[in-house]
Amino acid sequence: MDMAMLAPTETALVEGIDAAAMLAQVEAWCAINTGTRNLDGLARQAALLADAFAALPGDVRLVPAGPVEAIATDGRAVQIEHGAHMVLSVRPDAPRRYLLTGHMDTVYPADHPFQTLTWLDGETLGGPGTADMKGGIAVILAALTAFERSPQAATAGYDVLINSDEETGSLASAPLIAELARGKAAALTYEPSALPDGALAGARGGSGNYSAIVTGRSAHAGRNPQDGRNALVAAADLALGLKALSGDGLAINPARIDGGSANNVVPDHAVLRFNIRPRSAEDAARFAAAIQPLLREVELAHEVSIHLHGGISRPPKPLTAEAEKLFDLVRRCGAALGQSIRWQSSGGVCDGNNIAALGVPVVDTMGVRGGAIHSPAEYMIVPSLAERAALSALVLHRLSGGE
């Protein structure tokens, strides 16, 4: 790491980052399965994180997650439980405060075959959650430990949130994100870099998940099919109508239809699940204006009723002037550390969308370099642990008035 462009206080700030300790943390944390629905694994992980973050000068608490309503395959609303979220608060009365966020859950359930760590080469560690994002959690802890050595730290405070449900949309933690983001000068989120070269995600589109519950009328498929109202066919027609709305900044993906019955029964029930990706607030508004007329059209055509459940959980995240200033600070800090930092738009979403929607400037890919996330090929570039911790420590130092 080239630190020739750092002031002496900044050099002292980052020289003490312990890369070996960071790697040991990642290896220990990735040995625990923390699929979003694995409540036992998440409880074990949360306890370890609470112990680790207790080394910082603040109060650590585990916040129980409220249940989230979801639609079962039969159309009933059911409550889904989630793991507790970890929150650290340091200097809550400081005049300038930041929010740092990460998530402990992964996309790999307890019965997924991808459960172990493998060294792919001398600098690349493969395994579940290495990049997304237990490596990022290690970066948060090391960066804050380094920042506490800064003479500027005494005048700044921060909250850290490690939630348990990011991979399923943060529906259980969204109120907590909003509470913690309120009044913050800036936020950093530790998703892995957008590309293995360390590029950051800039503007992001939004995301919403929906379930359309279609209720028809059953009948015998041979004796009196004319008396039935086929919910499955209506759901398929709705899927085609939704796909036709895609384009010009709005992508809609009909993903699954649940329902049906025996072959000799006209099905009276179906649930269509779909995702929307609006590029901007205007695209989201266009969907909102179009969906009810489309539902009504399908209802009339098939003589069924349709109830729509869900909504946009990740608002679009434009690159505002305030966010550009924060990105530029990150770029300049990277240059001072010999790291080349750039950014690009991304179609993915994360908690950075939620934070930006509250008016807080955020850079949401401050985690490790790596790739192939959400797949059994996921990997982390190990030297990036210390690199990104140094980057965050310097960003926090300069955000707080350091030079």
Protein backbone atom coordinates (compact mmCIF):
# COMPACT_ATOMS: atom_id res chain seq x y z
CA MET A 1 0.00 0.00 0.00
CA ASP A 2 1.56 3.32 -1.13
CA MET A 3 1.10 5.85 1.66
CA ALA A 4 3.49 8.56 0.43
CA MET A 5 0.61 11.03 0.00
CA LEU A 6 -0.62 10.70 3.59
CA ALA A 7 -0.03 13.14 6.44
CA PRO A 8 1.87 11.64 9.39
CA THR A 9 -1.31 11.38 11.47
CA GLU A 10 -3.01 9.55 8.58
CA THR A 11 -0.11 7.14 8.19
CA ALA A 12 -0.33 6.30 11.88
CA LEU A 13 -4.05 5.79 11.46
CA VAL A 14 -3.79 2.99 8.91
CA GLU A 15 -0.49 1.36 9.80
CA GLY A 16 -2.01 -0.48 12.73
CA ILE A 17 -4.65 -2.35 10.69
CA ASP A 18 -4.23 -6.05 11.44
CA ALA A 19 -4.87 -7.95 8.19
CA ALA A 20 -4.31 -11.34 9.80
CA ALA A 21 -6.90 -10.68 12.48
CA MET A 22 -9.39 -9.56 9.84
CA LEU A 23 -8.89 -12.76 7.85
CA ALA A 24 -9.33 -14.88 10.98
CA GLN A 25 -12.64 -13.13 11.67
CA VAL A 26 -13.91 -13.77 8.16
CA GLU A 27 -12.95 -17.44 8.35
CA ALA A 28 -14.71 -17.86 11.70
CA TRP A 29 -17.84 -16.00 10.62
CA CYS A 30 -18.11 -17.78 7.26
CA ALA A 31 -18.01 -21.12 9.06
CA ILE A 32 -21.51 -20.31 10.38
CA ASN A 33 -24.41 -20.72 7.99
CA THR A 34 -26.46 -17.53 8.09
CA GLY A 35 -29.02 -17.98 5.37
CA THR A 36 -31.77 -15.45 6.00
CA ARG A 37 -34.18 -18.14 7.23
CA ASN A 38 -31.61 -19.90 9.43
CA LEU A 39 -32.56 -18.25 12.73
CA ASP A 40 -30.22 -20.43 14.82
CA GLY A 41 -27.23 -19.60 12.66
CA LEU A 42 -28.09 -15.91 12.66
CA ALA A 43 -28.35 -15.94 16.46
CA ARG A 44 -24.88 -17.47 16.74
CA GLN A 45 -23.49 -14.94 14.28
CA ALA A 46 -25.14 -11.98 16.02
CA ALA A 47 -23.65 -13.01 19.36
CA LEU A 48 -20.15 -13.22 17.85
CA LEU A 49 -20.55 -9.83 16.20
CA ALA A 50 -21.78 -8.25 19.42
CA ASP A 51 -18.68 -9.55 21.20
CA ALA A 52 -16.37 -8.31 18.44
CA PHE A 53 -17.88 -4.82 18.17
CA ALA A 54 -17.89 -4.44 21.97
CA ALA A 55 -14.17 -3.61 21.58
CA LEU A 56 -15.25 -0.18 20.28
CA PRO A 57 -16.18 2.59 22.77
CA GLY A 58 -19.93 2.37 22.53
CA ASP A 59 -23.05 0.45 23.44
CA VAL A 60 -23.89 -2.75 21.57
CA ARG A 61 -27.40 -4.13 21.49
CA LEU A 62 -29.27 -6.85 19.64
CA VAL A 63 -32.56 -5.53 18.30
CA PRO A 64 -35.33 -8.13 17.79
CA ALA A 65 -36.83 -8.08 14.32
CA GLY A 66 -40.55 -7.68 13.95
CA PRO A 67 -42.34 -10.28 11.81
CA VAL A 68 -42.89 -9.54 8.14
CA GLU A 69 -46.06 -10.44 6.28
CA ALA A 70 -45.67 -12.66 3.23
CA ILE A 71 -48.06 -14.51 0.93
CA ALA A 72 -48.06 -18.30 1.11
CA THR A 73 -48.62 -20.47 -1.95
CA ASP A 74 -52.32 -20.76 -1.08
CA GLY A 75 -52.71 -16.98 -0.96
CA ARG A 76 -52.89 -16.63 2.81
CA ALA A 77 -50.94 -13.88 4.56
CA VAL A 78 -48.40 -15.41 6.95
CA GLN A 79 -45.87 -13.92 9.34
CA ILE A 80 -42.18 -14.61 8.64
CA GLU A 81 -39.73 -14.31 11.53
CA HIS A 82 -36.22 -12.90 11.14
CA GLY A 83 -33.05 -12.85 13.19
CA ALA A 84 -32.05 -10.02 15.51
CA HIS A 85 -30.09 -7.05 14.17
CA MET A 86 -26.88 -5.83 15.81
CA VAL A 87 -26.55 -2.11 16.54
CA LEU A 88 -23.52 -0.27 17.93
CA SER A 89 -23.85 3.38 18.99
CA VAL A 90 -20.73 5.45 19.67
CA ARG A 91 -20.81 9.04 20.92
CA PRO A 92 -24.54 9.56 20.30
CA ASP A 93 -24.33 13.23 21.35
CA ALA A 94 -21.50 14.15 18.96
CA PRO A 95 -22.30 17.10 16.66
CA ARG A 96 -21.37 15.10 13.55
CA ARG A 97 -22.39 11.47 13.17
CA TYR A 98 -22.23 8.74 10.52
CA LEU A 99 -24.01 5.47 9.74
CA LEU A 100 -22.15 2.33 8.71
CA THR A 101 -24.21 -0.66 7.62
CA GLY A 102 -23.68 -4.29 6.72
CA HIS A 103 -25.61 -7.55 6.82
CA MET A 104 -24.90 -10.90 8.42
CA ASP A 105 -27.30 -12.98 6.31
CA THR A 106 -26.37 -14.79 3.11
CA VAL A 107 -28.36 -16.30 0.26
CA TYR A 108 -27.28 -19.85 1.12
CA PRO A 109 -29.79 -21.81 3.28
CA ALA A 110 -28.66 -24.37 5.83
CA ASP A 111 -29.15 -27.24 3.36
CA HIS A 112 -27.25 -25.57 0.49
CA PRO A 113 -24.18 -27.55 -0.66
CA PHE A 114 -21.96 -24.41 -0.62
CA GLN A 115 -20.89 -24.30 3.04
CA THR A 116 -17.08 -24.42 3.22
CA LEU A 117 -14.09 -22.17 2.56
CA THR A 118 -11.55 -22.98 -0.15
CA TRP A 119 -8.32 -21.18 -1.04
CA LEU A 120 -8.46 -20.68 -4.81
CA ASP A 121 -4.94 -19.24 -4.88
CA GLY A 122 -2.62 -17.45 -2.47
CA GLU A 123 -4.75 -14.30 -2.43
CA THR A 124 -8.27 -15.55 -3.16
CA LEU A 125 -10.58 -17.19 -0.64
CA GLY A 126 -13.78 -18.79 -1.88
CA GLY A 127 -16.72 -19.42 0.40
CA PRO A 128 -20.26 -18.44 1.38
CA GLY A 129 -20.40 -14.84 2.53
CA THR A 130 -16.70 -14.11 2.01
CA ALA A 131 -17.48 -11.13 -0.23
CA ASP A 132 -21.19 -10.67 0.47
CA MET A 133 -20.59 -9.67 3.12
CA LYS A 134 -18.76 -11.03 6.11
CA GLY A 135 -15.57 -9.64 4.62
CA GLY A 136 -17.33 -6.27 4.61
CA ILE A 137 -18.22 -6.61 8.30
CA ALA A 138 -14.55 -7.23 9.11
CA VAL A 139 -13.72 -4.06 7.14
CA ILE A 140 -16.21 -2.04 9.22
CA LEU A 141 -14.71 -3.23 12.51
CA ALA A 142 -11.09 -2.69 11.45
CA ALA A 143 -11.84 0.73 9.93
CA LEU A 144 -13.58 1.96 13.07
CA THR A 145 -10.80 0.58 15.28
CA ALA A 146 -8.32 2.59 13.19
CA PHE A 147 -10.55 5.69 13.16
CA GLU A 148 -10.62 5.68 16.95
CA ARG A 149 -6.87 6.46 16.80
CA SER A 150 -7.64 9.65 14.87
CA PRO A 151 -7.50 12.95 16.81
CA GLN A 152 -10.76 13.80 15.01
CA ALA A 153 -12.68 10.84 16.41
CA ALA A 154 -13.55 12.56 19.68
CA THR A 155 -15.73 15.09 17.86
CA ALA A 156 -17.59 12.56 15.69
CA GLY A 157 -19.94 9.70 16.47
CA TYR A 158 -21.45 6.84 14.53
CA ASP A 159 -23.98 4.06 14.52
CA VAL A 160 -23.28 0.63 13.06
CA LEU A 161 -26.13 -1.60 11.89
CA ILE A 162 -25.56 -5.22 10.89
CA ASN A 163 -28.98 -6.50 9.87
CA SER A 164 -30.18 -10.05 9.37
CA ASP A 165 -32.48 -9.72 6.35
CA GLU A 166 -30.77 -7.66 3.66
CA GLU A 167 -30.74 -10.53 1.18
CA THR A 168 -34.55 -10.68 1.22
CA GLY A 169 -35.09 -6.93 0.95
CA SER A 170 -34.59 -5.64 4.53
CA LEU A 171 -38.32 -5.60 5.17
CA ALA A 172 -37.78 -6.44 8.85
CA SER A 173 -34.98 -3.89 9.30
CA ALA A 174 -36.24 -1.00 7.14
CA PRO A 175 -37.73 0.92 10.11
CA LEU A 176 -34.44 0.52 12.00
CA ILE A 177 -32.45 1.72 8.99
CA ALA A 178 -34.67 4.80 8.79
CA GLU A 179 -34.31 5.48 12.51
CA LEU A 180 -30.53 5.21 12.47
CA ALA A 181 -30.08 7.20 9.24
CA ARG A 182 -31.96 10.19 10.58
CA GLY A 183 -29.68 13.22 10.98
CA LYS A 184 -26.51 11.50 9.76
CA ALA A 185 -23.93 13.55 7.85
CA ALA A 186 -22.99 10.58 5.65
CA ALA A 187 -23.34 6.82 5.41
CA LEU A 188 -21.11 3.99 4.25
CA THR A 189 -22.44 0.53 3.37
CA TYR A 190 -20.17 -2.47 2.97
CA GLU A 191 -21.47 -4.44 0.04
CA PRO A 192 -18.56 -5.81 -2.03
CA SER A 193 -17.16 -3.64 -4.78
CA ALA A 194 -19.13 -3.60 -8.00
CA LEU A 195 -16.21 -5.20 -9.86
CA PRO A 196 -13.11 -7.10 -8.69
CA ASP A 197 -10.96 -4.04 -9.53
CA GLY A 198 -12.62 -2.16 -6.65
CA ALA A 199 -15.09 -0.06 -8.64
CA LEU A 200 -17.95 1.39 -6.61
CA ALA A 201 -21.64 1.30 -7.47
CA GLY A 202 -22.93 4.83 -8.16
CA ALA A 203 -26.55 5.37 -9.13
CA ARG A 204 -28.82 2.39 -8.59
CA GLY A 205 -32.26 1.52 -9.83
CA GLY A 206 -35.01 0.49 -7.41
CA SER A 207 -36.71 -2.82 -6.70
CA GLY A 208 -40.14 -4.01 -5.64
CA ASN A 209 -41.58 -7.48 -5.05
CA TYR A 210 -45.26 -8.27 -5.48
CA SER A 211 -47.69 -11.18 -5.19
CA ALA A 212 -50.92 -11.05 -7.19
CA ILE A 213 -53.50 -13.34 -5.57
CA VAL A 214 -55.99 -14.49 -8.21
CA THR A 215 -59.32 -16.00 -7.13
CA GLY A 216 -61.52 -17.71 -9.72
CA ARG A 217 -64.15 -20.44 -9.51
CA SER A 218 -63.60 -24.19 -9.55
CA ALA A 219 -65.57 -26.56 -11.77
CA HIS A 220 -65.27 -30.02 -13.30
CA ALA A 221 -63.00 -29.84 -16.33
CA GLY A 222 -65.18 -32.32 -18.26
CA ARG A 223 -68.75 -31.91 -17.05
CA ASN A 224 -69.11 -28.15 -16.68
CA PRO A 225 -65.89 -26.29 -17.47
CA GLN A 226 -67.94 -23.30 -18.63
CA ASP A 227 -68.97 -22.71 -15.01
CA GLY A 228 -65.36 -22.39 -13.88
CA ARG A 229 -63.16 -19.31 -13.88
CA ASN A 230 -59.57 -20.40 -14.42
CA ALA A 231 -57.30 -18.52 -12.00
CA LEU A 232 -54.16 -20.06 -13.49
CA VAL A 233 -54.97 -18.80 -16.99
CA ALA A 234 -55.78 -15.35 -15.59
CA ALA A 235 -52.44 -15.31 -13.74
CA ALA A 236 -50.64 -16.24 -16.95
CA ASP A 237 -52.48 -13.46 -18.82
CA LEU A 238 -51.46 -11.01 -16.10
CA ALA A 239 -47.84 -12.15 -16.41
CA LEU A 240 -47.90 -11.36 -20.12
CA GLY A 241 -49.49 -7.99 -19.44
CA LEU A 242 -46.83 -7.14 -16.89
CA LYS A 243 -44.05 -8.12 -19.27
CA ALA A 244 -45.58 -5.83 -21.88
CA LEU A 245 -45.19 -2.90 -19.46
CA SER A 246 -41.41 -3.39 -19.37
CA GLY A 247 -39.14 -0.97 -21.18
CA ASP A 248 -37.92 2.63 -21.05
CA GLY A 249 -36.44 2.43 -17.57
CA LEU A 250 -38.86 -0.11 -16.10
CA ALA A 251 -38.02 -3.83 -16.06
CA ILE A 252 -40.70 -6.26 -14.84
CA ASN A 253 -39.92 -9.91 -14.25
CA PRO A 254 -42.86 -12.31 -13.75
CA ALA A 255 -41.01 -14.94 -11.73
CA ARG A 256 -43.38 -17.66 -10.52
CA ILE A 257 -46.98 -18.85 -10.52
CA ASP A 258 -48.24 -20.98 -7.62
CA GLY A 259 -51.60 -22.68 -7.85
CA GLY A 260 -53.54 -25.16 -9.85
CA SER A 261 -55.23 -28.40 -8.88
CA ALA A 262 -55.95 -31.84 -10.31
CA ASN A 263 -56.02 -32.10 -14.09
CA ASN A 264 -59.81 -32.52 -14.09
CA VAL A 265 -60.50 -29.41 -11.99
CA VAL A 266 -60.67 -25.83 -13.25
CA PRO A 267 -58.28 -24.10 -10.79
CA ASP A 268 -59.86 -21.41 -8.65
CA HIS A 269 -56.64 -20.12 -7.13
CA ALA A 270 -53.23 -18.86 -8.28
CA VAL A 271 -50.51 -16.55 -6.98
CA LEU A 272 -48.30 -14.71 -9.46
CA ARG A 273 -45.04 -13.36 -8.02
CA PHE A 274 -43.12 -10.67 -9.85
CA ASN A 275 -40.32 -8.17 -9.38
CA ILE A 276 -40.08 -4.66 -10.79
CA ARG A 277 -36.90 -2.62 -11.33
CA PRO A 278 -37.64 1.08 -11.89
CA ARG A 279 -34.58 3.08 -12.91
CA SER A 280 -35.97 6.33 -11.51
CA ALA A 281 -38.79 7.69 -9.37
CA GLU A 282 -40.62 8.59 -12.58
CA ASP A 283 -40.43 4.97 -13.74
CA ALA A 284 -41.84 3.82 -10.39
CA ALA A 285 -44.70 6.31 -10.76
CA ARG A 286 -45.39 5.02 -14.27
CA PHE A 287 -45.76 1.49 -12.91
CA ALA A 288 -48.06 2.70 -10.14
CA ALA A 289 -50.28 4.40 -12.71
CA ALA A 290 -50.42 1.35 -14.99
CA ILE A 291 -50.86 -1.56 -12.58
CA GLN A 292 -54.45 -0.98 -11.43
CA PRO A 293 -55.88 -0.61 -14.97
CA LEU A 294 -54.03 -3.80 -15.95
CA LEU A 295 -55.42 -5.71 -12.96
CA ARG A 296 -58.92 -4.52 -13.77
CA GLU A 297 -58.54 -5.54 -17.41
CA VAL A 298 -57.52 -9.09 -16.45
CA GLU A 299 -60.29 -9.33 -13.86
CA LEU A 300 -62.92 -8.37 -16.42
CA ALA A 301 -61.52 -10.61 -19.15
CA HIS A 302 -61.43 -13.72 -16.95
CA GLU A 303 -64.17 -12.90 -14.43
CA VAL A 304 -61.80 -13.33 -11.49
CA SER A 305 -60.73 -11.13 -8.60
CA ILE A 306 -57.12 -10.09 -8.00
CA HIS A 307 -55.56 -8.80 -4.78
CA LEU A 308 -52.10 -7.24 -5.08
CA HIS A 309 -49.67 -7.56 -2.16
CA GLY A 310 -46.23 -5.98 -1.88
CA GLY A 311 -44.51 -2.80 -2.99
CA ILE A 312 -41.22 -1.10 -3.69
CA SER A 313 -38.83 -1.90 -0.85
CA ARG A 314 -35.74 -0.34 -2.46
CA PRO A 315 -36.41 3.13 -3.95
CA PRO A 316 -34.25 4.19 -6.91
CA LYS A 317 -30.97 5.78 -5.83
CA PRO A 318 -29.86 8.65 -8.09
CA LEU A 319 -26.36 10.08 -7.80
CA THR A 320 -27.14 13.44 -6.17
CA ALA A 321 -24.75 16.37 -5.81
CA GLU A 322 -24.24 15.50 -2.13
CA ALA A 323 -23.52 11.87 -3.00
CA GLU A 324 -21.05 12.96 -5.70
CA LYS A 325 -19.14 14.96 -3.08
CA LEU A 326 -18.89 11.89 -0.88
CA PHE A 327 -17.80 9.73 -3.83
CA ASP A 328 -15.14 12.30 -4.69
CA LEU A 329 -13.83 12.22 -1.12
CA VAL A 330 -13.60 8.43 -1.33
CA ARG A 331 -11.77 8.75 -4.65
CA ARG A 332 -9.26 11.23 -3.22
CA CYS A 333 -8.70 9.08 -0.14
CA GLY A 334 -8.12 6.10 -2.41
CA ALA A 335 -5.58 8.06 -4.45
CA ALA A 336 -3.74 9.00 -1.25
CA LEU A 337 -3.51 5.27 -0.43
CA GLY A 338 -2.44 4.29 -3.94
CA GLN A 339 -5.87 2.85 -4.74
CA SER A 340 -7.57 3.80 -7.99
CA ILE A 341 -11.27 4.36 -7.28
CA ARG A 342 -13.99 4.75 -9.90
CA TRP A 343 -17.73 4.19 -9.92
CA GLN A 344 -20.47 3.16 -12.30
CA SER A 345 -24.23 2.73 -12.31
CA SER A 346 -25.62 -0.59 -11.11
CA GLY A 347 -28.83 -2.51 -11.64
CA GLY A 348 -28.49 -4.15 -8.24
CA VAL A 349 -30.04 -2.85 -5.03
CA CYS A 350 -29.05 -2.81 -1.37
CA ASP A 351 -29.60 -0.94 1.89
CA GLY A 352 -27.88 2.04 0.28
CA ASN A 353 -31.11 2.60 -1.68
CA ASN A 354 -33.07 2.93 1.56
CA ILE A 355 -30.51 5.25 3.12
CA ALA A 356 -30.30 7.53 0.07
CA ALA A 357 -34.10 7.80 -0.03
CA LEU A 358 -33.87 9.49 3.38
CA GLY A 359 -31.64 12.23 1.98
CA VAL A 360 -28.36 10.93 3.43
CA PRO A 361 -25.38 10.75 1.04
CA VAL A 362 -24.13 7.17 0.91
CA VAL A 363 -21.43 5.10 -0.77
CA ASP A 364 -22.70 1.55 -0.59
CA THR A 365 -19.89 -0.64 -1.98
CA MET A 366 -17.14 0.02 0.55
CA GLY A 367 -16.62 -3.69 1.23
CA VAL A 368 -13.98 -6.07 -0.06
CA ARG A 369 -13.02 -6.76 -3.63
CA GLY A 370 -14.39 -10.07 -4.80
CA GLY A 371 -16.98 -11.55 -7.12
CA ALA A 372 -19.40 -14.29 -8.17
CA ILE A 373 -21.67 -13.38 -5.27
CA HIS A 374 -24.93 -15.32 -4.83
CA SER A 375 -23.29 -18.37 -6.40
CA PRO A 376 -21.16 -21.32 -5.27
CA ALA A 377 -18.21 -19.55 -6.93
CA GLU A 378 -18.29 -16.56 -4.53
CA TYR A 379 -14.82 -15.35 -3.58
CA MET A 380 -12.95 -12.58 -1.75
CA ILE A 381 -9.60 -11.07 -2.70
CA VAL A 382 -7.88 -11.27 0.68
CA PRO A 383 -5.49 -8.27 0.42
CA SER A 384 -8.55 -6.07 -0.09
CA LEU A 385 -9.50 -6.56 3.58
CA ALA A 386 -6.73 -4.25 4.78
CA GLU A 387 -6.97 -2.03 1.68
CA ARG A 388 -10.63 -1.25 2.19
CA ALA A 389 -10.29 -0.86 5.95
CA ALA A 390 -7.60 1.76 5.37
CA LEU A 391 -9.81 3.48 2.81
CA SER A 392 -12.77 3.72 5.21
CA ALA A 393 -10.61 4.84 8.13
CA LEU A 394 -9.15 7.65 6.03
CA VAL A 395 -12.60 8.65 4.70
CA LEU A 396 -13.96 8.88 8.24
CA HIS A 397 -10.90 10.83 9.39
CA ARG A 398 -11.24 13.40 6.60
CA LEU A 399 -15.01 13.57 6.89
CA SER A 400 -14.43 14.58 10.50
CA GLY A 401 -12.09 17.44 9.61
CA GLY A 402 -8.77 15.67 9.34
CA GLU A 403 -6.32 16.50 6.57
